[in-house]
């Protein structure tokens, strides 16, 4: 019993350690990708409107259809920064991150073809209706590759003391996906 308790304490220490405080877990990374997709559509909408090719209705439809998911993902991103840096610095880091995502798309194309493509993407995103997987699929198809400050967290490596424990990694070569399936 004490052996299992010790392994559990070691696992919690790995997850809660300051070294991992600024890295991004899978859910936070997905949230950042959805925010990145939103930024792509938002900035394209502004660029297209400036070029007299208004796709505002399509963008607004995307936001309305996915409002709950967008809010949840933004809260997740903000929570990451606040946990990593505290409330004041975390809010500033969140604002800087959101601004950075928007700035990436500022110099994009505003041709009729590009605006039609963004309008079509926004209409397709409406059909996802708060589906995280659906929006992530659209982001991947668009080539949205969000870089998160601090990088992604890696799965904790099993120590030799943990191997053989019930629920522990059976061998050092067990895949990260197998570990995630156990959670």
C-alpha atoms as a PDB file:
ATOM      1  CA  UNK A   1       0.000   0.000   0.000  1.00  0.00           C
ATOM      2  CA  UNK A   2       2.777   2.454   0.885  1.00  0.00           C
ATOM      3  CA  UNK A   3       4.567   1.581  -2.341  1.00  0.00           C
ATOM      4  CA  UNK A   4       1.502   2.587  -4.394  1.00  0.00           C
ATOM      5  CA  UNK A   5       1.045   5.725  -2.312  1.00  0.00           C
ATOM      6  CA  UNK A   6       4.675   6.682  -2.946  1.00  0.00           C
ATOM      7  CA  UNK A   7       4.241   6.178  -6.688  1.00  0.00           C
ATOM      8  CA  UNK A   8       1.115   8.340  -6.632  1.00  0.00           C
ATOM      9  CA  UNK A   9       2.921  11.104  -4.739  1.00  0.00           C
ATOM     10  CA  UNK A  10       5.784  10.961  -7.249  1.00  0.00           C
ATOM     11  CA  UNK A  11       3.327  11.220 -10.148  1.00  0.00           C
ATOM     12  CA  UNK A  12       1.582  14.229  -8.600  1.00  0.00           C
ATOM     13  CA  UNK A  13       4.939  15.886  -7.984  1.00  0.00           C
ATOM     14  CA  UNK A  14       5.811  15.456 -11.651  1.00  0.00           C
ATOM     15  CA  UNK A  15       2.553  17.032 -12.782  1.00  0.00           C
ATOM     16  CA  UNK A  16       2.628  19.926 -10.308  1.00  0.00           C
ATOM     17  CA  UNK A  17       6.303  20.796 -10.512  1.00  0.00           C
ATOM     18  CA  UNK A  18       7.280  24.370 -11.464  1.00  0.00           C
ATOM     19  CA  UNK A  19       9.242  23.002 -14.421  1.00  0.00           C
ATOM     20  CA  UNK A  20       5.965  21.986 -16.066  1.00  0.00           C
ATOM     21  CA  UNK A  21       3.978  25.049 -14.969  1.00  0.00           C
ATOM     22  CA  UNK A  22       4.549  26.932 -18.237  1.00  0.00           C
ATOM     23  CA  UNK A  23       4.291  24.024 -20.669  1.00  0.00           C
ATOM     24  CA  UNK A  24       0.963  23.379 -22.394  1.00  0.00           C
ATOM     25  CA  UNK A  25      -1.048  20.179 -22.005  1.00  0.00           C
ATOM     26  CA  UNK A  26      -3.020  18.697 -24.909  1.00  0.00           C
ATOM     27  CA  UNK A  27      -6.280  20.449 -23.973  1.00  0.00           C
ATOM     28  CA  UNK A  28      -4.585  23.844 -23.688  1.00  0.00           C
ATOM     29  CA  UNK A  29      -2.809  23.316 -27.005  1.00  0.00           C
ATOM     30  CA  UNK A  30      -6.108  22.446 -28.685  1.00  0.00           C
ATOM     31  CA  UNK A  31      -7.637  25.572 -27.153  1.00  0.00           C
ATOM     32  CA  UNK A  32      -4.798  27.668 -28.579  1.00  0.00           C
ATOM     33  CA  UNK A  33      -5.326  26.135 -32.020  1.00  0.00           C
ATOM     34  CA  UNK A  34      -9.028  26.992 -31.945  1.00  0.00           C
ATOM     35  CA  UNK A  35      -8.161  30.534 -30.847  1.00  0.00           C
ATOM     36  CA  UNK A  36      -5.670  30.669 -33.721  1.00  0.00           C
ATOM     37  CA  UNK A  37      -8.407  29.613 -36.184  1.00  0.00           C
ATOM     38  CA  UNK A  38     -10.694  32.293 -34.743  1.00  0.00           C
ATOM     39  CA  UNK A  39      -7.913  34.880 -35.167  1.00  0.00           C
ATOM     40  CA  UNK A  40      -7.374  33.802 -38.786  1.00  0.00           C
ATOM     41  CA  UNK A  41     -11.071  34.298 -39.551  1.00  0.00           C
ATOM     42  CA  UNK A  42     -11.360  37.533 -37.573  1.00  0.00           C
ATOM     43  CA  UNK A  43      -8.371  39.206 -39.243  1.00  0.00           C
ATOM     44  CA  UNK A  44      -9.437  37.948 -42.680  1.00  0.00           C
ATOM     45  CA  UNK A  45     -12.855  39.485 -42.052  1.00  0.00           C
ATOM     46  CA  UNK A  46     -11.256  42.849 -41.229  1.00  0.00           C
ATOM     47  CA  UNK A  47      -8.893  42.685 -44.230  1.00  0.00           C
ATOM     48  CA  UNK A  48     -11.685  41.702 -46.602  1.00  0.00           C
ATOM     49  CA  UNK A  49     -13.992  44.435 -45.326  1.00  0.00           C
ATOM     50  CA  UNK A  50     -11.208  46.984 -45.875  1.00  0.00           C
ATOM     51  CA  UNK A  51     -10.946  45.686 -49.448  1.00  0.00           C
ATOM     52  CA  UNK A  52     -14.749  46.130 -49.863  1.00  0.00           C
ATOM     53  CA  UNK A  53     -15.285  42.359 -49.826  1.00  0.00           C
ATOM     54  CA  UNK A  54     -17.410  42.028 -46.709  1.00  0.00           C
ATOM     55  CA  UNK A  55     -17.532  38.570 -45.078  1.00  0.00           C
ATOM     56  CA  UNK A  56     -18.676  39.863 -41.700  1.00  0.00           C
ATOM     57  CA  UNK A  57     -21.929  37.874 -41.795  1.00  0.00           C
ATOM     58  CA  UNK A  58     -20.007  34.627 -42.284  1.00  0.00           C
ATOM     59  CA  UNK A  59     -17.598  35.429 -39.448  1.00  0.00           C
ATOM     60  CA  UNK A  60     -20.451  36.411 -37.132  1.00  0.00           C
ATOM     61  CA  UNK A  61     -22.195  33.145 -38.001  1.00  0.00           C
ATOM     62  CA  UNK A  62     -19.036  31.237 -37.033  1.00  0.00           C
ATOM     63  CA  UNK A  63     -18.865  33.043 -33.680  1.00  0.00           C
ATOM     64  CA  UNK A  64     -22.568  32.568 -32.939  1.00  0.00           C
ATOM     65  CA  UNK A  65     -22.522  28.855 -33.819  1.00  0.00           C
ATOM     66  CA  UNK A  66     -19.404  28.204 -31.735  1.00  0.00           C
ATOM     67  CA  UNK A  67     -19.760  30.781 -28.956  1.00  0.00           C
ATOM     68  CA  UNK A  68     -19.748  28.296 -26.042  1.00  0.00           C
ATOM     69  CA  UNK A  69     -16.676  26.462 -27.321  1.00  0.00           C
ATOM     70  CA  UNK A  70     -14.810  29.674 -28.152  1.00  0.00           C
ATOM     71  CA  UNK A  71     -15.472  31.038 -24.665  1.00  0.00           C
ATOM     72  CA  UNK A  72     -14.439  27.783 -22.971  1.00  0.00           C
ATOM     73  CA  UNK A  73     -11.225  27.583 -24.979  1.00  0.00           C
ATOM     74  CA  UNK A  74     -10.346  31.230 -24.317  1.00  0.00           C
ATOM     75  CA  UNK A  75     -10.945  30.648 -20.603  1.00  0.00           C
ATOM     76  CA  UNK A  76      -8.666  27.595 -20.784  1.00  0.00           C
ATOM     77  CA  UNK A  77      -5.885  29.633 -22.425  1.00  0.00           C
ATOM     78  CA  UNK A  78      -6.268  32.473 -19.937  1.00  0.00           C
ATOM     79  CA  UNK A  79      -6.244  29.958 -17.079  1.00  0.00           C
ATOM     80  CA  UNK A  80      -2.985  28.505 -18.368  1.00  0.00           C
ATOM     81  CA  UNK A  81      -1.283  31.899 -18.327  1.00  0.00           C
ATOM     82  CA  UNK A  82      -2.676  32.832 -14.911  1.00  0.00           C
ATOM     83  CA  UNK A  83      -1.554  29.505 -13.361  1.00  0.00           C
ATOM     84  CA  UNK A  84       1.894  29.874 -14.906  1.00  0.00           C
ATOM     85  CA  UNK A  85       2.466  33.580 -14.202  1.00  0.00           C
ATOM     86  CA  UNK A  86      -0.086  34.790 -11.663  1.00  0.00           C
ATOM     87  CA  UNK A  87      -3.178  36.922 -12.183  1.00  0.00           C
ATOM     88  CA  UNK A  88      -1.636  40.181 -13.374  1.00  0.00           C
ATOM     89  CA  UNK A  89       1.280  38.874 -15.437  1.00  0.00           C
ATOM     90  CA  UNK A  90      -0.925  36.015 -16.667  1.00  0.00           C
ATOM     91  CA  UNK A  91      -3.572  38.411 -17.990  1.00  0.00           C
ATOM     92  CA  UNK A  92      -0.863  40.435 -19.729  1.00  0.00           C
ATOM     93  CA  UNK A  93       0.627  37.262 -21.225  1.00  0.00           C
ATOM     94  CA  UNK A  94      -2.823  36.145 -22.417  1.00  0.00           C
ATOM     95  CA  UNK A  95      -3.432  39.541 -24.069  1.00  0.00           C
ATOM     96  CA  UNK A  96       0.011  39.426 -25.714  1.00  0.00           C
ATOM     97  CA  UNK A  97      -0.640  35.874 -26.952  1.00  0.00           C
ATOM     98  CA  UNK A  98      -4.026  36.814 -28.447  1.00  0.00           C
ATOM     99  CA  UNK A  99      -2.494  39.898 -30.103  1.00  0.00           C
ATOM    100  CA  UNK A 100       0.376  37.812 -31.472  1.00  0.00           C
ATOM    101  CA  UNK A 101      -2.079  35.358 -33.052  1.00  0.00           C
ATOM    102  CA  UNK A 102      -3.956  38.194 -34.746  1.00  0.00           C
ATOM    103  CA  UNK A 103      -0.745  39.847 -35.941  1.00  0.00           C
ATOM    104  CA  UNK A 104       0.324  36.644 -37.702  1.00  0.00           C
ATOM    105  CA  UNK A 105      -2.514  37.116 -40.199  1.00  0.00           C
ATOM    106  CA  UNK A 106      -2.300  40.886 -40.651  1.00  0.00           C
ATOM    107  CA  UNK A 107      -0.414  40.750 -43.931  1.00  0.00           C
ATOM    108  CA  UNK A 108      -2.604  38.065 -45.501  1.00  0.00           C
ATOM    109  CA  UNK A 109      -4.169  38.326 -48.920  1.00  0.00           C
ATOM    110  CA  UNK A 110      -7.386  40.315 -49.444  1.00  0.00           C
ATOM    111  CA  UNK A 111      -8.240  39.302 -53.000  1.00  0.00           C
ATOM    112  CA  UNK A 112     -11.767  38.265 -53.955  1.00  0.00           C
ATOM    113  CA  UNK A 113     -10.593  34.647 -54.162  1.00  0.00           C
ATOM    114  CA  UNK A 114      -8.947  34.754 -50.723  1.00  0.00           C
ATOM    115  CA  UNK A 115     -11.993  36.394 -49.152  1.00  0.00           C
ATOM    116  CA  UNK A 116     -14.324  33.874 -50.793  1.00  0.00           C
ATOM    117  CA  UNK A 117     -12.141  31.110 -49.336  1.00  0.00           C
ATOM    118  CA  UNK A 118     -12.313  32.598 -45.839  1.00  0.00           C
ATOM    119  CA  UNK A 119     -16.089  33.065 -46.151  1.00  0.00           C
ATOM    120  CA  UNK A 120     -16.401  29.394 -47.142  1.00  0.00           C
ATOM    121  CA  UNK A 121     -14.224  28.377 -44.190  1.00  0.00           C
ATOM    122  CA  UNK A 122     -16.389  30.423 -41.817  1.00  0.00           C
ATOM    123  CA  UNK A 123     -19.567  28.839 -43.242  1.00  0.00           C
ATOM    124  CA  UNK A 124     -18.055  25.377 -42.801  1.00  0.00           C
ATOM    125  CA  UNK A 125     -17.062  26.277 -39.225  1.00  0.00           C
ATOM    126  CA  UNK A 126     -20.699  27.205 -38.542  1.00  0.00           C
ATOM    127  CA  UNK A 127     -21.602  23.573 -39.275  1.00  0.00           C
ATOM    128  CA  UNK A 128     -19.245  22.414 -36.523  1.00  0.00           C
ATOM    129  CA  UNK A 129     -21.587  23.945 -33.914  1.00  0.00           C
ATOM    130  CA  UNK A 130     -19.305  23.836 -30.855  1.00  0.00           C
ATOM    131  CA  UNK A 131     -17.445  20.691 -31.956  1.00  0.00           C
ATOM    132  CA  UNK A 132     -13.863  20.939 -30.754  1.00  0.00           C
ATOM    133  CA  UNK A 133     -12.792  18.078 -33.019  1.00  0.00           C
ATOM    134  CA  UNK A 134     -14.531  19.697 -35.978  1.00  0.00           C
ATOM    135  CA  UNK A 135     -12.817  23.054 -35.520  1.00  0.00           C
ATOM    136  CA  UNK A 136      -9.455  21.355 -34.947  1.00  0.00           C
ATOM    137  CA  UNK A 137      -9.952  19.460 -38.205  1.00  0.00           C
ATOM    138  CA  UNK A 138     -10.662  22.709 -40.055  1.00  0.00           C
ATOM    139  CA  UNK A 139      -7.626  24.355 -38.462  1.00  0.00           C
ATOM    140  CA  UNK A 140      -5.400  21.450 -39.509  1.00  0.00           C
ATOM    141  CA  UNK A 141      -6.771  21.558 -43.030  1.00  0.00           C
ATOM    142  CA  UNK A 142      -5.955  25.301 -43.176  1.00  0.00           C
ATOM    143  CA  UNK A 143      -2.417  24.607 -41.989  1.00  0.00           C
ATOM    144  CA  UNK A 144      -2.909  26.402 -38.679  1.00  0.00           C
ATOM    145  CA  UNK A 145       0.126  25.401 -36.624  1.00  0.00           C
ATOM    146  CA  UNK A 146      -0.064  27.195 -33.316  1.00  0.00           C
ATOM    147  CA  UNK A 147       3.194  27.658 -31.466  1.00  0.00           C
ATOM    148  CA  UNK A 148       2.568  27.874 -27.753  1.00  0.00           C
ATOM    149  CA  UNK A 149       5.040  29.740 -25.528  1.00  0.00           C
ATOM    150  CA  UNK A 150       6.794  27.227 -23.289  1.00  0.00           C
ATOM    151  CA  UNK A 151       6.001  24.347 -25.651  1.00  0.00           C
ATOM    152  CA  UNK A 152       3.910  21.271 -25.038  1.00  0.00           C
ATOM    153  CA  UNK A 153       4.342  19.252 -21.879  1.00  0.00           C
ATOM    154  CA  UNK A 154       5.850  15.846 -22.378  1.00  0.00           C
ATOM    155  CA  UNK A 155       4.400  12.814 -20.658  1.00  0.00           C
ATOM    156  CA  UNK A 156       6.212  12.069 -17.404  1.00  0.00           C
ATOM    157  CA  UNK A 157       8.707   9.279 -17.789  1.00  0.00           C
ATOM    158  CA  UNK A 158       8.286   6.224 -15.608  1.00  0.00           C
ATOM    159  CA  UNK A 159      10.940   5.590 -13.045  1.00  0.00           C
ATOM    160  CA  UNK A 160      12.253   2.095 -12.396  1.00  0.00           C
ATOM    161  CA  UNK A 161      10.438   2.085  -9.034  1.00  0.00           C
ATOM    162  CA  UNK A 162       7.121   2.635 -10.799  1.00  0.00           C
ATOM    163  CA  UNK A 163       7.566  -0.164 -13.358  1.00  0.00           C
ATOM    164  CA  UNK A 164       5.595  -3.194 -12.269  1.00  0.00           C
ATOM    165  CA  UNK A 165       3.207  -1.219 -10.041  1.00  0.00           C
ATOM    166  CA  UNK A 166      -0.487  -1.741 -10.833  1.00  0.00           C
ATOM    167  CA  UNK A 167      -1.419   0.819 -13.476  1.00  0.00           C
ATOM    168  CA  UNK A 168       2.217   1.758 -14.039  1.00  0.00           C
ATOM    169  CA  UNK A 169       4.102   1.640 -17.309  1.00  0.00           C
ATOM    170  CA  UNK A 170       4.997  -1.957 -18.078  1.00  0.00           C
ATOM    171  CA  UNK A 171       8.109  -1.150 -20.069  1.00  0.00           C
ATOM    172  CA  UNK A 172      10.130   1.909 -20.991  1.00  0.00           C
ATOM    173  CA  UNK A 173       9.016   1.493 -24.610  1.00  0.00           C
ATOM    174  CA  UNK A 174       5.278   1.795 -23.867  1.00  0.00           C
ATOM    175  CA  UNK A 175       3.858   4.570 -26.002  1.00  0.00           C
ATOM    176  CA  UNK A 176       2.620   7.913 -24.773  1.00  0.00           C
ATOM    177  CA  UNK A 177      -0.800   7.086 -26.240  1.00  0.00           C
ATOM    178  CA  UNK A 178      -1.022   3.978 -24.066  1.00  0.00           C
ATOM    179  CA  UNK A 179      -0.240   6.042 -20.991  1.00  0.00           C
ATOM    180  CA  UNK A 180      -2.922   8.566 -21.908  1.00  0.00           C
ATOM    181  CA  UNK A 181      -5.477   5.752 -22.371  1.00  0.00           C
ATOM    182  CA  UNK A 182      -5.027   4.772 -18.721  1.00  0.00           C
ATOM    183  CA  UNK A 183      -6.161   8.152 -17.381  1.00  0.00           C
END
